[in-house]
């Protein structure tokens, strides 16, 4: 039986480039990378690890931009084609009813998720250390911040695009207050997007290319074979961390249970814009868009903590790759 995409909408103008001749990789890079340079406006030092989503026939995004004071914040941008972007030079001004959390020390590494009746944004939020900030918008004009999901320290908060067993669901990676030389992926659920519990372990960092830590990447994609989870994995080399991209399938009803996980990485830092930048050797995926009609996938990822790049895949090929290269023994 052919793979089915569940709840995937058509995106007829999805950015796309065919696999290069002679390339056998299941994921391949956009030949004009990077799609967003480090400084889309004069006060930007770097633009990376950002979230993109279709909206009203076009594309919008929430972008991590570190400014020339090296303040980490979130910015809004829009694009007619997902390739050429107009990013506003002022950070998103979140409305927040709780003064205690209204002015975080930093915001970075956002994800965007359409869920029920609004677009949710999650990010790494500075509240006495890194935690998971949560906000939403209906129209990308007004943005509202609600309660942080977890206590510090935590990163890589990624929502599922629908409730599971009647509860909101999120992946995250408990961490520390520094550069985190460890980290597993956990699953949590909430009745109201405020109170989170019922935590379950999902994945440990036990792959050779992801031996130091792992973290969820884009919003999981629902397929007839399970939730497709693209994640980043980190190894510690003699020259520091190396971030690569991998993929796994999670059970649809109990997403803390892994069905299959590809042992090889999908992309590792190999190009100049992935290897050279403010933080060398980083491939960090934050968004994956899938055209429900064709199964084409566009993956947005940060390169070397400096620029935004783009890669492509066919989702059926990617799922088959995960099953063929499966290393999961539980």
Protein backbone atom coordinates (compact mmCIF):
# COMPACT_ATOMS: atom_id res chain seq x y z
CA UNK A 1 0.00 0.00 0.00
CA UNK A 2 1.37 3.40 -1.01
CA UNK A 3 2.26 5.92 1.65
CA UNK A 4 -0.54 8.33 2.51
CA UNK A 5 -0.07 11.86 3.77
CA UNK A 6 -2.62 12.53 6.50
CA UNK A 7 -3.99 16.06 6.83
CA UNK A 8 -1.44 17.47 4.37
CA UNK A 9 -2.75 20.35 2.28
CA UNK A 10 -1.70 21.16 -1.30
CA UNK A 11 1.09 23.73 -1.64
CA UNK A 12 1.21 24.22 -5.43
CA UNK A 13 3.91 26.91 -5.20
CA UNK A 14 6.16 24.94 -2.85
CA UNK A 15 9.83 25.75 -3.57
CA UNK A 16 11.27 22.86 -5.52
CA UNK A 17 14.32 21.79 -7.46
CA UNK A 18 14.73 18.32 -8.95
CA UNK A 19 17.45 16.01 -7.64
CA UNK A 20 20.71 16.78 -9.48
CA UNK A 21 21.83 14.33 -12.13
CA UNK A 22 23.98 11.60 -10.64
CA UNK A 23 22.86 12.36 -7.06
CA UNK A 24 21.61 9.34 -5.11
CA UNK A 25 20.98 11.16 -1.83
CA UNK A 26 17.50 10.97 -0.35
CA UNK A 27 17.77 14.67 0.63
CA UNK A 28 19.50 17.17 -1.66
CA UNK A 29 20.45 20.83 -1.36
CA UNK A 30 19.04 23.81 -3.24
CA UNK A 31 21.73 24.79 -5.72
CA UNK A 32 21.30 28.52 -5.03
CA UNK A 33 21.79 28.20 -1.26
CA UNK A 34 21.72 30.05 1.02
CA UNK A 35 18.20 31.36 0.44
CA UNK A 36 18.53 34.03 3.16
CA UNK A 37 21.87 35.74 3.75
CA UNK A 38 23.23 36.55 7.16
CA UNK A 39 22.25 40.23 7.04
CA UNK A 40 18.91 40.92 5.28
CA UNK A 41 19.01 44.42 6.85
CA UNK A 42 21.93 46.51 8.20
CA UNK A 43 21.47 45.75 11.91
CA UNK A 44 21.42 41.96 11.40
CA UNK A 45 24.54 39.99 12.21
CA UNK A 46 23.12 36.58 11.23
CA UNK A 47 19.83 34.94 10.19
CA UNK A 48 19.39 31.22 10.82
CA UNK A 49 17.38 28.44 12.54
CA UNK A 50 14.04 29.84 11.36
CA UNK A 51 10.46 28.65 10.77
CA UNK A 52 8.44 28.95 7.54
CA UNK A 53 4.78 28.12 6.79
CA UNK A 54 2.32 28.62 3.89
CA UNK A 55 -0.16 31.46 4.39
CA UNK A 56 -2.86 32.77 2.05
CA UNK A 57 -1.20 31.44 -1.08
CA UNK A 58 2.23 32.77 -0.14
CA UNK A 59 4.72 32.08 2.66
CA UNK A 60 5.47 33.68 6.01
CA UNK A 61 8.21 33.02 8.50
CA UNK A 62 9.45 33.69 11.99
CA UNK A 63 13.18 34.17 11.82
CA UNK A 64 15.94 33.98 14.36
CA UNK A 65 18.11 37.02 13.85
CA UNK A 66 21.05 37.97 16.05
CA UNK A 67 21.60 41.71 15.68
CA UNK A 68 24.89 43.61 15.67
CA UNK A 69 24.67 43.88 19.46
CA UNK A 70 24.37 40.06 19.38
CA UNK A 71 20.89 40.16 20.88
CA UNK A 72 18.88 37.05 19.92
CA UNK A 73 15.30 37.76 18.85
CA UNK A 74 12.46 36.75 16.52
CA UNK A 75 11.50 38.66 13.38
CA UNK A 76 8.63 38.33 10.93
CA UNK A 77 9.08 37.91 7.18
CA UNK A 78 7.01 37.12 4.10
CA UNK A 79 7.67 35.76 0.64
CA UNK A 80 5.71 35.14 -2.58
CA UNK A 81 7.64 31.97 -3.40
CA UNK A 82 9.47 30.77 -0.27
CA UNK A 83 12.78 31.86 -1.79
CA UNK A 84 12.85 35.65 -1.88
CA UNK A 85 12.10 37.14 1.53
CA UNK A 86 11.16 40.52 2.94
CA UNK A 87 12.01 40.47 6.64
CA UNK A 88 10.90 43.32 8.88
CA UNK A 89 13.87 45.03 10.55
CA UNK A 90 12.17 45.26 13.96
CA UNK A 91 11.62 42.26 16.27
CA UNK A 92 8.13 40.85 16.73
CA UNK A 93 6.35 42.75 19.51
CA UNK A 94 4.50 40.09 21.49
CA UNK A 95 1.50 41.08 23.57
CA UNK A 96 1.66 39.42 26.99
CA UNK A 97 -0.76 39.64 29.91
CA UNK A 98 1.85 38.47 32.42
CA UNK A 99 4.53 41.10 33.18
CA UNK A 100 6.69 38.45 34.86
CA UNK A 101 7.42 36.76 31.53
CA UNK A 102 6.78 39.62 29.10
CA UNK A 103 10.42 40.67 28.61
CA UNK A 104 12.63 37.62 28.16
CA UNK A 105 16.39 37.85 28.00
CA UNK A 106 16.35 36.35 24.51
CA UNK A 107 14.22 34.52 21.96
CA UNK A 108 15.67 32.11 19.40
CA UNK A 109 15.21 28.97 17.25
CA UNK A 110 11.45 29.28 16.53
CA UNK A 111 9.02 26.70 15.16
CA UNK A 112 5.65 27.48 13.54
CA UNK A 113 2.63 25.17 13.78
CA UNK A 114 -0.94 25.51 12.49
CA UNK A 115 -3.08 23.94 15.21
CA UNK A 116 -6.88 24.06 15.39
CA UNK A 117 -7.66 27.74 14.75
CA UNK A 118 -4.34 29.59 15.00
CA UNK A 119 -0.64 29.58 14.29
CA UNK A 120 1.43 28.67 17.35
CA UNK A 121 5.03 29.74 17.74
CA UNK A 122 7.43 27.97 20.08
CA UNK A 123 10.98 29.10 20.72
CA UNK A 124 13.85 28.97 23.18
CA UNK A 125 12.93 31.68 25.68
CA UNK A 126 15.23 33.33 28.19
CA UNK A 127 13.54 33.20 31.60
CA UNK A 128 16.27 32.67 34.21
CA UNK A 129 17.82 30.32 31.69
CA UNK A 130 16.52 28.73 28.49
CA UNK A 131 12.98 27.35 28.48
CA UNK A 132 10.22 26.86 25.89
CA UNK A 133 8.35 30.04 25.06
CA UNK A 134 4.87 29.72 23.53
CA UNK A 135 2.86 32.27 21.58
CA UNK A 136 0.29 32.45 18.83
CA UNK A 137 -1.10 34.61 16.04
CA UNK A 138 -4.24 34.49 13.93
CA UNK A 139 -3.07 36.86 11.20
CA UNK A 140 0.70 37.48 11.54
CA UNK A 141 -0.15 41.05 12.47
CA UNK A 142 -0.75 40.61 16.21
CA UNK A 143 1.33 38.16 18.24
CA UNK A 144 0.45 36.98 21.76
CA UNK A 145 2.78 35.30 24.23
CA UNK A 146 1.36 32.88 26.80
CA UNK A 147 2.97 30.95 29.64
CA UNK A 148 6.30 29.19 29.19
CA UNK A 149 5.76 25.48 28.69
CA UNK A 150 8.43 24.17 31.05
CA UNK A 151 10.85 25.11 33.80
CA UNK A 152 14.37 25.97 32.69
CA UNK A 153 16.40 24.39 31.35
CA UNK A 154 14.90 23.23 28.06
CA UNK A 155 15.23 23.75 24.31
CA UNK A 156 13.77 22.59 20.99
CA UNK A 157 10.08 22.73 21.85
CA UNK A 158 8.18 21.33 18.85
CA UNK A 159 4.38 21.01 18.80
CA UNK A 160 2.44 18.27 17.03
CA UNK A 161 -0.05 19.71 14.49
CA UNK A 162 -3.08 18.09 16.12
CA UNK A 163 -4.18 16.86 19.53
CA UNK A 164 -3.23 13.29 20.44
CA UNK A 165 -5.73 11.42 22.64
CA UNK A 166 -7.43 14.74 23.29
CA UNK A 167 -4.27 16.52 24.50
CA UNK A 168 -1.87 19.03 23.01
CA UNK A 169 1.51 17.38 22.47
CA UNK A 170 5.06 18.67 22.32
CA UNK A 171 8.58 17.34 21.89
CA UNK A 172 11.43 19.00 23.79
CA UNK A 173 14.97 18.46 25.01
CA UNK A 174 15.74 19.13 28.68
CA UNK A 175 19.17 20.72 28.84
CA UNK A 176 21.39 22.97 30.94
CA UNK A 177 22.19 26.68 31.01
CA UNK A 178 25.18 26.44 28.69
CA UNK A 179 26.04 24.74 25.43
CA UNK A 180 24.56 21.45 26.65
CA UNK A 181 26.97 18.54 26.11
CA UNK A 182 24.07 16.07 26.49
CA UNK A 183 20.40 15.77 25.60
CA UNK A 184 17.57 13.36 24.73
CA UNK A 185 14.17 14.02 23.14
CA UNK A 186 11.10 13.85 25.41
CA UNK A 187 7.36 13.96 24.77
CA UNK A 188 4.91 15.94 26.93
CA UNK A 189 1.17 16.62 26.81
CA UNK A 190 -1.19 19.35 27.99
CA UNK A 191 -4.96 19.81 28.32
CA UNK A 192 -4.79 23.57 27.74
CA UNK A 193 -1.38 24.58 26.25
CA UNK A 194 -0.44 25.91 29.71
CA UNK A 195 0.02 22.93 32.05
CA UNK A 196 2.39 20.28 30.70
CA UNK A 197 3.02 16.80 32.10
CA UNK A 198 2.90 13.06 31.43
CA UNK A 199 6.47 13.26 30.17
CA UNK A 200 7.78 10.32 28.14
CA UNK A 201 11.24 9.54 26.83
CA UNK A 202 11.44 9.36 23.03
CA UNK A 203 15.04 9.12 21.81
CA UNK A 204 18.52 9.05 23.24
CA UNK A 205 21.74 10.25 21.61
CA UNK A 206 23.25 6.91 20.64
CA UNK A 207 24.03 7.26 16.93
CA UNK A 208 27.69 7.69 15.91
CA UNK A 209 26.91 11.05 14.24
CA UNK A 210 24.59 12.08 17.11
CA UNK A 211 26.43 10.76 20.13
CA UNK A 212 26.38 13.98 22.18
CA UNK A 213 22.74 15.13 21.92
CA UNK A 214 19.61 15.08 19.78
CA UNK A 215 16.71 17.50 19.40
CA UNK A 216 13.46 17.63 17.44
CA UNK A 217 13.49 19.83 14.35
CA UNK A 218 10.46 20.75 12.21
CA UNK A 219 6.82 20.11 13.13
CA UNK A 220 6.24 16.33 12.78
CA UNK A 221 4.50 15.25 9.56
CA UNK A 222 1.60 12.79 9.83
CA UNK A 223 1.77 9.84 7.43
CA UNK A 224 0.15 6.42 7.22
CA UNK A 225 3.52 4.98 8.36
CA UNK A 226 3.72 7.16 11.48
CA UNK A 227 4.81 10.66 12.45
CA UNK A 228 7.83 11.66 10.40
CA UNK A 229 10.21 13.40 12.80
CA UNK A 230 13.20 15.20 11.36
CA UNK A 231 15.75 15.93 14.07
CA UNK A 232 19.23 17.27 14.58
CA UNK A 233 21.99 15.21 16.11
CA UNK A 234 25.34 16.36 17.44
CA UNK A 235 28.72 14.70 17.78
CA UNK A 236 31.67 16.15 19.65
CA UNK A 237 34.75 16.19 17.44
CA UNK A 238 38.28 17.26 18.32
CA UNK A 239 37.30 20.67 16.88
CA UNK A 240 33.93 21.06 18.64
CA UNK A 241 30.28 20.19 17.95
CA UNK A 242 29.07 18.97 14.54
CA UNK A 243 25.32 19.25 13.89
CA UNK A 244 23.66 16.98 11.30
CA UNK A 245 20.10 16.15 10.23
CA UNK A 246 18.38 12.78 10.72
CA UNK A 247 14.90 11.25 10.57
CA UNK A 248 12.69 8.76 12.41
CA UNK A 249 9.09 7.49 12.41
CA UNK A 250 7.01 7.73 15.59
CA UNK A 251 3.83 5.86 16.49
CA UNK A 252 0.73 7.87 15.56
CA UNK A 253 -1.11 7.24 18.83
CA UNK A 254 1.87 7.00 21.20
CA UNK A 255 4.52 9.26 19.67
CA UNK A 256 7.08 8.50 22.38
CA UNK A 257 7.42 5.08 20.74
CA UNK A 258 9.81 4.93 17.79
CA UNK A 259 8.80 2.73 14.86
CA UNK A 260 11.99 3.16 12.86
CA UNK A 261 15.02 5.44 12.76
CA UNK A 262 17.51 5.84 9.93
CA UNK A 263 21.04 5.09 11.06
CA UNK A 264 22.72 7.38 8.48
CA UNK A 265 22.25 11.12 8.65
CA UNK A 266 20.30 12.91 5.91
CA UNK A 267 22.57 15.96 5.67
CA UNK A 268 25.80 16.84 7.44
CA UNK A 269 27.88 20.03 7.23
CA UNK A 270 29.79 19.75 3.96
CA UNK A 271 29.29 22.98 2.02
CA UNK A 272 30.99 26.30 2.69
CA UNK A 273 27.84 27.91 4.15
CA UNK A 274 27.37 24.95 6.52
CA UNK A 275 31.01 24.69 7.59
CA UNK A 276 32.05 28.35 7.81
CA UNK A 277 30.20 30.96 9.86
CA UNK A 278 29.66 32.20 13.39
CA UNK A 279 29.39 28.58 14.57
CA UNK A 280 31.07 26.21 12.10
CA UNK A 281 29.77 22.79 11.11
CA UNK A 282 26.04 23.21 11.70
CA UNK A 283 23.00 21.85 9.82
CA UNK A 284 19.96 22.73 11.97
CA UNK A 285 16.47 22.01 10.53
CA UNK A 286 13.51 24.05 11.82
CA UNK A 287 10.79 23.79 9.13
CA UNK A 288 9.59 21.16 6.65
CA UNK A 289 6.79 21.89 4.18
CA UNK A 290 5.06 19.09 2.25
CA UNK A 291 2.83 19.44 -0.81
CA UNK A 292 -0.11 17.12 -0.17
CA UNK A 293 -0.63 16.52 -3.89
CA UNK A 294 2.90 15.54 -4.92
CA UNK A 295 4.67 14.52 -1.68
CA UNK A 296 7.43 17.00 -2.39
CA UNK A 297 9.16 18.29 0.74
CA UNK A 298 11.11 21.51 1.28
CA UNK A 299 13.27 21.61 4.43
CA UNK A 300 14.52 24.95 5.79
CA UNK A 301 17.63 24.73 7.92
CA UNK A 302 20.23 26.96 9.51
CA UNK A 303 23.77 26.83 8.16
CA UNK A 304 26.72 27.48 10.50
CA UNK A 305 24.47 29.63 12.75
CA UNK A 306 24.74 32.31 10.06
CA UNK A 307 22.35 31.78 7.11
CA UNK A 308 19.15 29.96 6.12
CA UNK A 309 19.45 27.18 3.54
CA UNK A 310 16.99 24.87 1.79
CA UNK A 311 16.94 21.17 0.94
CA UNK A 312 14.45 18.89 -0.83
CA UNK A 313 13.11 15.35 -0.63
CA UNK A 314 10.24 13.18 -1.79
CA UNK A 315 8.43 12.15 1.37
CA UNK A 316 7.68 8.59 0.20
CA UNK A 317 11.36 8.05 -0.63
CA UNK A 318 12.37 9.47 2.75
CA UNK A 319 10.02 7.19 4.67
CA UNK A 320 11.26 4.16 2.71
CA UNK A 321 14.85 5.23 3.44
CA UNK A 322 14.09 5.33 7.18
CA UNK A 323 12.57 1.84 7.09
CA UNK A 324 15.38 0.40 4.96
CA UNK A 325 18.14 1.94 7.09
CA UNK A 326 16.36 1.33 10.40
CA UNK A 327 18.60 0.76 13.42
CA UNK A 328 15.93 0.90 16.15
CA UNK A 329 15.90 -2.31 18.19
CA UNK A 330 13.39 -1.62 20.97
